[in-house]
Amino acid sequence: MTVDGPFGLSVRDQALEADVQAGLSAVEEGLMEATKSDVPFITGAAQHLVRAGGKRFRPLLVMLGAQFGDPHEPGVVPSAVVVELTHLATLYHDDVMDQADVRRGVPSANANWGNSVAVLTGDFLFARASQILADLGPEAVRIQAEAFERLVTGQIMETAGPQDGQDPVAHYLEVLSGKTGSLIAVACRFGAMTAGADESVTSTLTQYGERIGTAFQLADDVLDIASDSHESGKTPGTDLREGVATLPVLYLREHAANGGAAADRELCRLLDGDLTDDARHAEALAGLRAHPALEQARRDTVRYAREARATLEPLADGPAKLALSDLCDAVVHRAG
């Protein structure tokens, strides 16, 4: 029997489904508790995106990774809370940098309370994540610190752009590895580690997380262009409006620079212009939706998802391994 689980995942084992759902419910309670403050205003701001929902992709990976050990070990749920709090904190900061008005289908924190409150609320979430992390031991602290360094490095690299002579696509994929792959890999690693799984299993799941993390972000890149706000939970073309060159845009520019049609070069000129104008933004979005570069980015999403599935080969067969394999399909499905 197939049971519809989180993130649109088709969980084929009812015992696994029940275990994962119980874990995610505990994570949700942990998130609400971790975002409480003695100052009601801070509580409201900190719980804003928690209450808005979200895919909870990272906690899901913690729960699935924990299935390769004892998923009821006391550190499993707190480690998932740490990873999700860290992710949420980055969203508050990202929305300020991107001047985004919508996140998860609701007004962003910066739209509600201004940039200063949004940045400080993100800092508050980082602080709460660190408090919980301290109870998980020095190894968990080290792993999280290394991942956070990679995450910030990826963000800085994205802001600075590729160096002279560097392939823009290779640079972008390196950015994604830092910004997204690092924390998703930690989710898989924490799940296995806190559950007491073997080191070889933990290493395999960490590699899986790196690859599925990149596939996950590439799917988001496609969604930013191809979906409406109801489907993606944020304003379509946000990255375009802010001048962030995601993979479809990079492939378009590659087409234009290597003998592409005049229409390719015209679309590039449009993208290089002022896209704060709604009409120009809509024209650029429509042009990218119709361009082969979007399908090329979809193919890369599929490739990374296949690589993620291949890393699972050494793991023992069972419901958790099958669920992680199915998750690769779920990520690709998001990209259409």
Protein backbone atom coordinates (compact mmCIF):
# COMPACT_ATOMS: atom_id res chain seq x y z
CA MET A 1 0.00 0.00 0.00
CA THR A 2 1.26 3.47 -0.82
CA VAL A 3 0.96 6.19 1.79
CA ASP A 4 1.34 9.86 0.87
CA GLY A 5 4.00 11.27 3.13
CA PRO A 6 5.65 14.69 3.57
CA PHE A 7 7.05 16.69 0.64
CA GLY A 8 4.82 14.71 -1.72
CA LEU A 9 6.91 11.64 -0.96
CA SER A 10 5.27 8.30 -1.61
CA VAL A 11 6.14 6.22 1.46
CA ARG A 12 5.41 2.58 0.73
CA ASP A 13 5.81 1.25 4.26
CA GLN A 14 3.17 2.17 6.84
CA ALA A 15 5.48 1.61 9.82
CA LEU A 16 8.06 3.95 8.31
CA GLU A 17 5.36 6.48 7.48
CA ALA A 18 4.11 6.48 11.07
CA ASP A 19 7.63 6.80 12.46
CA VAL A 20 8.57 9.67 10.16
CA GLN A 21 5.32 11.54 10.77
CA ALA A 22 5.71 11.17 14.54
CA GLY A 23 9.24 12.53 14.28
CA LEU A 24 8.17 15.47 12.14
CA SER A 25 5.35 16.29 14.56
CA ALA A 26 7.91 16.36 17.38
CA VAL A 27 10.13 18.62 15.28
CA GLU A 28 7.21 21.00 14.74
CA GLU A 29 6.66 21.20 18.50
CA GLY A 30 10.39 21.76 18.96
CA LEU A 31 10.39 24.60 16.44
CA MET A 32 7.52 26.35 18.18
CA GLU A 33 9.22 25.98 21.55
CA ALA A 34 12.60 27.15 20.24
CA THR A 35 11.10 30.31 18.74
CA LYS A 36 9.42 31.49 21.95
CA SER A 37 10.79 34.56 23.68
CA ASP A 38 9.95 36.46 26.84
CA VAL A 39 9.34 39.38 24.48
CA PRO A 40 6.03 38.76 22.63
CA PHE A 41 7.10 40.81 19.62
CA ILE A 42 10.16 38.60 19.11
CA THR A 43 8.02 35.49 19.42
CA GLY A 44 5.69 36.75 16.71
CA ALA A 45 8.53 37.61 14.35
CA ALA A 46 10.45 34.39 15.04
CA GLN A 47 7.40 32.17 14.58
CA HIS A 48 6.25 33.99 11.44
CA LEU A 49 7.82 31.59 8.95
CA VAL A 50 7.42 28.56 11.22
CA ARG A 51 3.66 29.09 11.20
CA ALA A 52 3.71 29.70 7.44
CA GLY A 53 4.61 26.04 6.99
CA GLY A 54 7.08 24.92 4.39
CA LYS A 55 8.31 21.66 2.97
CA ARG A 56 10.35 20.61 6.05
CA PHE A 57 12.66 18.87 3.60
CA ARG A 58 15.64 18.95 5.95
CA PRO A 59 13.82 17.49 8.98
CA LEU A 60 12.44 14.80 6.70
CA LEU A 61 15.97 13.83 5.71
CA VAL A 62 17.01 13.72 9.38
CA MET A 63 14.14 11.33 10.11
CA LEU A 64 14.94 9.09 7.15
CA GLY A 65 18.65 9.08 7.94
CA ALA A 66 17.86 8.07 11.52
CA GLN A 67 16.15 4.94 10.25
CA PHE A 68 19.59 3.44 9.63
CA GLY A 69 20.18 3.45 13.40
CA ASP A 70 17.75 3.87 16.28
CA PRO A 71 15.33 6.63 15.17
CA HIS A 72 14.12 7.07 18.75
CA GLU A 73 17.49 8.16 20.14
CA PRO A 74 17.02 11.42 22.08
CA GLY A 75 19.29 13.50 19.83
CA VAL A 76 17.42 12.86 16.58
CA VAL A 77 14.55 15.35 16.92
CA PRO A 78 16.72 18.17 18.39
CA SER A 79 19.20 17.79 15.53
CA ALA A 80 16.34 18.20 13.04
CA VAL A 81 15.19 21.32 14.90
CA VAL A 82 18.73 22.74 14.68
CA VAL A 83 18.93 22.19 10.94
CA GLU A 84 15.49 23.67 10.27
CA LEU A 85 16.10 26.69 12.53
CA THR A 86 19.33 27.35 10.66
CA HIS A 87 17.51 27.12 7.35
CA LEU A 88 14.74 29.42 8.56
CA ALA A 89 17.28 31.98 9.76
CA THR A 90 18.86 32.08 6.30
CA LEU A 91 15.43 32.73 4.76
CA TYR A 92 14.96 35.87 6.88
CA HIS A 93 18.35 37.11 5.71
CA ASP A 94 17.81 36.05 2.07
CA ASP A 95 14.56 37.95 1.84
CA VAL A 96 16.27 41.13 3.00
CA MET A 97 19.06 40.68 0.45
CA ASP A 98 16.56 39.89 -2.30
CA GLN A 99 14.03 42.53 -1.19
CA ALA A 100 11.42 39.79 -1.44
CA ASP A 101 7.85 40.58 -0.44
CA VAL A 102 6.48 37.03 -0.22
CA ARG A 103 7.79 33.87 1.43
CA ARG A 104 5.84 30.61 1.76
CA GLY A 105 2.69 32.31 0.54
CA VAL A 106 2.71 35.03 3.24
CA PRO A 107 4.33 38.47 3.46
CA SER A 108 8.03 38.17 4.22
CA ALA A 109 9.35 39.33 7.59
CA ASN A 110 11.03 42.33 5.99
CA ALA A 111 7.77 43.29 4.29
CA ASN A 112 5.99 43.10 7.65
CA TRP A 113 8.53 44.68 9.99
CA GLY A 114 11.36 46.10 7.91
CA ASN A 115 14.89 44.96 7.18
CA SER A 116 16.38 45.52 10.62
CA VAL A 117 13.82 43.36 12.43
CA ALA A 118 14.10 40.65 9.77
CA VAL A 119 17.91 40.47 10.05
CA LEU A 120 17.84 40.47 13.84
CA THR A 121 15.14 37.79 13.91
CA GLY A 122 17.34 35.61 11.72
CA ASP A 123 20.16 36.17 14.22
CA PHE A 124 17.80 35.19 17.05
CA LEU A 125 17.04 31.90 15.29
CA PHE A 126 20.76 31.22 14.81
CA ALA A 127 21.25 31.80 18.54
CA ARG A 128 18.46 29.40 19.47
CA ALA A 129 19.83 26.76 17.09
CA SER A 130 23.25 27.12 18.74
CA GLN A 131 21.74 26.59 22.21
CA ILE A 132 20.15 23.31 21.14
CA LEU A 133 23.26 22.27 19.22
CA ALA A 134 25.43 22.65 22.33
CA ASP A 135 23.51 19.81 23.98
CA LEU A 136 24.30 17.47 21.06
CA GLY A 137 28.03 17.49 21.78
CA PRO A 138 31.24 18.95 20.34
CA GLU A 139 31.21 16.80 17.19
CA ALA A 140 27.77 18.10 16.21
CA VAL A 141 28.92 21.66 16.92
CA ARG A 142 31.96 21.18 14.67
CA ILE A 143 29.88 19.68 11.84
CA GLN A 144 27.35 22.51 12.00
CA ALA A 145 30.10 25.16 12.11
CA GLU A 146 31.80 23.74 9.03
CA ALA A 147 28.51 23.57 7.16
CA PHE A 148 27.64 27.13 8.16
CA GLU A 149 30.99 28.34 6.89
CA ARG A 150 30.29 26.65 3.56
CA LEU A 151 26.79 28.13 3.45
CA VAL A 152 28.05 31.68 4.03
CA THR A 153 30.94 31.18 1.60
CA GLY A 154 28.47 30.10 -1.05
CA GLN A 155 26.37 33.19 -0.43
CA ILE A 156 29.41 35.46 -0.70
CA MET A 157 30.55 33.72 -3.89
CA GLU A 158 27.10 34.24 -5.38
CA THR A 159 27.19 37.93 -4.47
CA ALA A 160 30.72 38.41 -5.84
CA GLY A 161 30.08 36.46 -9.04
CA PRO A 162 32.54 34.29 -11.02
CA GLN A 163 36.15 35.36 -11.29
CA ASP A 164 37.68 36.34 -14.64
CA GLY A 165 37.93 33.29 -16.87
CA GLN A 166 35.82 31.10 -14.59
CA ASP A 167 32.98 29.17 -16.21
CA PRO A 168 29.76 30.77 -14.89
CA VAL A 169 27.90 27.44 -14.78
CA ALA A 170 30.71 25.73 -12.82
CA HIS A 171 30.83 28.72 -10.45
CA TYR A 172 27.08 28.57 -9.93
CA LEU A 173 27.08 24.86 -9.14
CA GLU A 174 29.86 25.48 -6.60
CA VAL A 175 27.68 28.19 -5.05
CA LEU A 176 24.77 25.77 -4.77
CA SER A 177 26.98 23.15 -3.14
CA GLY A 178 27.76 25.66 -0.41
CA LYS A 179 24.46 27.47 -0.05
CA THR A 180 22.15 24.47 -0.20
CA GLY A 181 24.04 21.18 -0.38
CA SER A 182 26.00 21.82 2.82
CA LEU A 183 23.01 22.05 5.17
CA ILE A 184 21.06 19.27 3.47
CA ALA A 185 24.10 17.03 3.79
CA VAL A 186 24.21 17.90 7.50
CA ALA A 187 20.55 16.90 7.83
CA CYS A 188 21.34 13.43 6.49
CA ARG A 189 24.51 13.21 8.56
CA PHE A 190 22.84 14.31 11.81
CA GLY A 191 20.01 11.82 11.31
CA ALA A 192 22.37 8.88 10.96
CA MET A 193 24.89 10.11 13.54
CA THR A 194 22.42 10.89 16.33
CA ALA A 195 20.71 7.54 15.72
CA GLY A 196 23.99 5.68 16.18
CA ALA A 197 24.39 4.42 12.61
CA ASP A 198 27.73 3.05 11.41
CA GLU A 199 30.28 5.59 10.17
CA SER A 200 30.17 4.11 6.66
CA VAL A 201 26.39 4.56 6.56
CA THR A 202 26.69 8.11 7.87
CA SER A 203 29.28 8.90 5.17
CA THR A 204 27.07 7.46 2.43
CA LEU A 205 24.05 9.47 3.57
CA THR A 206 26.15 12.64 3.75
CA GLN A 207 27.17 12.15 0.10
CA TYR A 208 23.54 11.56 -0.79
CA GLY A 209 22.59 14.81 0.94
CA GLU A 210 25.14 16.81 -1.03
CA ARG A 211 23.74 15.61 -4.34
CA ILE A 212 20.05 15.69 -3.51
CA GLY A 213 20.64 19.18 -2.09
CA THR A 214 21.94 20.44 -5.42
CA ALA A 215 19.06 18.75 -7.26
CA PHE A 216 16.64 20.34 -4.80
CA GLN A 217 17.98 23.85 -5.44
CA LEU A 218 18.06 23.35 -9.21
CA ALA A 219 14.41 22.32 -9.01
CA ASP A 220 13.74 25.57 -7.13
CA ASP A 221 15.51 27.49 -9.92
CA VAL A 222 13.18 25.93 -12.46
CA LEU A 223 10.16 26.60 -10.24
CA ASP A 224 11.12 30.27 -9.87
CA ILE A 225 10.62 30.64 -13.60
CA ALA A 226 8.06 27.98 -14.51
CA SER A 227 5.56 28.08 -11.62
CA ASP A 228 3.00 30.51 -10.30
CA SER A 229 3.14 31.87 -6.73
CA HIS A 230 0.51 29.39 -5.52
CA GLU A 231 2.72 26.46 -6.48
CA SER A 232 6.07 27.81 -5.28
CA GLY A 233 4.94 29.85 -2.27
CA LYS A 234 6.91 32.90 -3.43
CA THR A 235 6.65 35.52 -6.14
CA PRO A 236 7.56 34.01 -9.56
CA GLY A 237 10.72 35.41 -11.08
CA THR A 238 12.07 36.76 -7.77
CA ASP A 239 15.60 35.82 -8.76
CA LEU A 240 15.15 37.46 -12.15
CA ARG A 241 13.92 40.69 -10.64
CA GLU A 242 16.91 40.82 -8.29
CA GLY A 243 19.38 40.07 -11.06
CA VAL A 244 20.35 36.64 -9.68
CA ALA A 245 21.54 34.54 -12.61
CA THR A 246 20.22 31.05 -11.90
CA LEU A 247 21.04 28.07 -14.10
CA PRO A 248 18.38 28.70 -16.80
CA VAL A 249 19.67 32.26 -17.23
CA LEU A 250 23.27 31.07 -17.40
CA TYR A 251 22.38 28.54 -20.07
CA LEU A 252 20.52 31.23 -22.03
CA ARG A 253 23.63 33.43 -21.97
CA GLU A 254 25.73 30.46 -23.04
CA HIS A 255 23.39 29.91 -26.01
CA ALA A 256 23.55 33.59 -26.95
CA ALA A 257 27.36 33.72 -26.75
CA ASN A 258 27.85 30.58 -28.84
CA GLY A 259 26.00 31.22 -32.06
CA GLY A 260 22.52 31.54 -30.63
CA ALA A 261 19.62 33.20 -32.42
CA ALA A 262 19.06 36.94 -32.40
CA ALA A 263 16.11 36.34 -30.10
CA ASP A 264 18.50 34.81 -27.53
CA ARG A 265 20.63 37.96 -27.52
CA GLU A 266 17.56 40.14 -27.29
CA LEU A 267 16.32 38.17 -24.29
CA CYS A 268 19.74 38.57 -22.65
CA ARG A 269 19.57 42.33 -23.18
CA LEU A 270 16.14 42.33 -21.56
CA LEU A 271 17.46 40.37 -18.57
CA ASP A 272 20.39 42.78 -18.21
CA GLY A 273 18.02 45.72 -18.04
CA ASP A 274 15.74 47.02 -15.30
CA LEU A 275 13.36 44.23 -14.33
CA THR A 276 11.74 46.17 -11.51
CA ASP A 277 9.28 47.26 -14.21
CA ASP A 278 6.42 44.75 -14.11
CA ALA A 279 5.90 44.67 -17.88
CA ARG A 280 9.58 44.03 -18.63
CA HIS A 281 9.73 41.43 -15.87
CA ALA A 282 6.70 39.60 -17.29
CA GLU A 283 8.24 39.68 -20.78
CA ALA A 284 11.51 38.24 -19.50
CA LEU A 285 9.72 35.54 -17.55
CA ALA A 286 7.68 34.53 -20.61
CA GLY A 287 10.81 34.45 -22.76
CA LEU A 288 12.64 32.15 -20.38
CA ARG A 289 9.65 29.87 -20.00
CA ALA A 290 9.68 29.31 -23.75
CA HIS A 291 13.46 28.95 -24.12
CA PRO A 292 15.32 25.58 -24.32
CA ALA A 293 17.58 26.78 -21.48
CA LEU A 294 14.79 25.99 -19.02
CA GLU A 295 14.61 22.38 -20.23
CA GLN A 296 18.42 22.17 -20.07
CA ALA A 297 18.25 23.16 -16.38
CA ARG A 298 15.56 20.53 -15.83
CA ARG A 299 17.87 17.90 -17.30
CA ASP A 300 20.60 18.90 -14.86
CA THR A 301 18.12 18.52 -12.01
CA VAL A 302 17.43 14.97 -13.18
CA ARG A 303 21.16 14.24 -13.47
CA TYR A 304 21.92 15.29 -9.89
CA ALA A 305 18.92 13.34 -8.61
CA ARG A 306 20.19 10.24 -10.40
CA GLU A 307 23.63 10.73 -8.87
CA ALA A 308 22.00 11.01 -5.44
CA ARG A 309 20.16 7.74 -5.99
CA ALA A 310 23.38 6.03 -7.10
CA THR A 311 25.12 6.94 -3.84
CA LEU A 312 22.54 4.87 -1.94
CA GLU A 313 23.75 1.63 -3.53
CA PRO A 314 25.96 0.50 -0.58
CA LEU A 315 23.10 0.79 1.93
CA ALA A 316 21.11 -2.24 3.01
CA ASP A 317 17.80 -2.61 1.20
CA GLY A 318 14.75 -1.63 3.19
CA PRO A 319 11.93 0.91 3.47
CA ALA A 320 14.20 3.85 4.40
CA LYS A 321 16.52 3.29 1.45
CA LEU A 322 13.52 3.00 -0.86
CA ALA A 323 12.04 6.21 0.54
CA LEU A 324 15.30 8.09 -0.07
CA SER A 325 15.37 6.75 -3.61
CA ASP A 326 11.77 7.82 -4.15
CA LEU A 327 12.66 11.25 -2.80
CA CYS A 328 14.92 11.71 -5.83
CA ASP A 329 11.85 11.31 -8.03
CA ALA A 330 9.86 13.72 -5.85
CA VAL A 331 12.53 16.41 -6.26
CA VAL A 332 12.59 15.94 -10.03
CA HIS A 333 8.79 16.07 -10.16
CA ARG A 334 8.89 19.55 -8.60
CA ALA A 335 10.88 20.72 -11.60
CA GLY A 336 8.24 19.38 -13.96
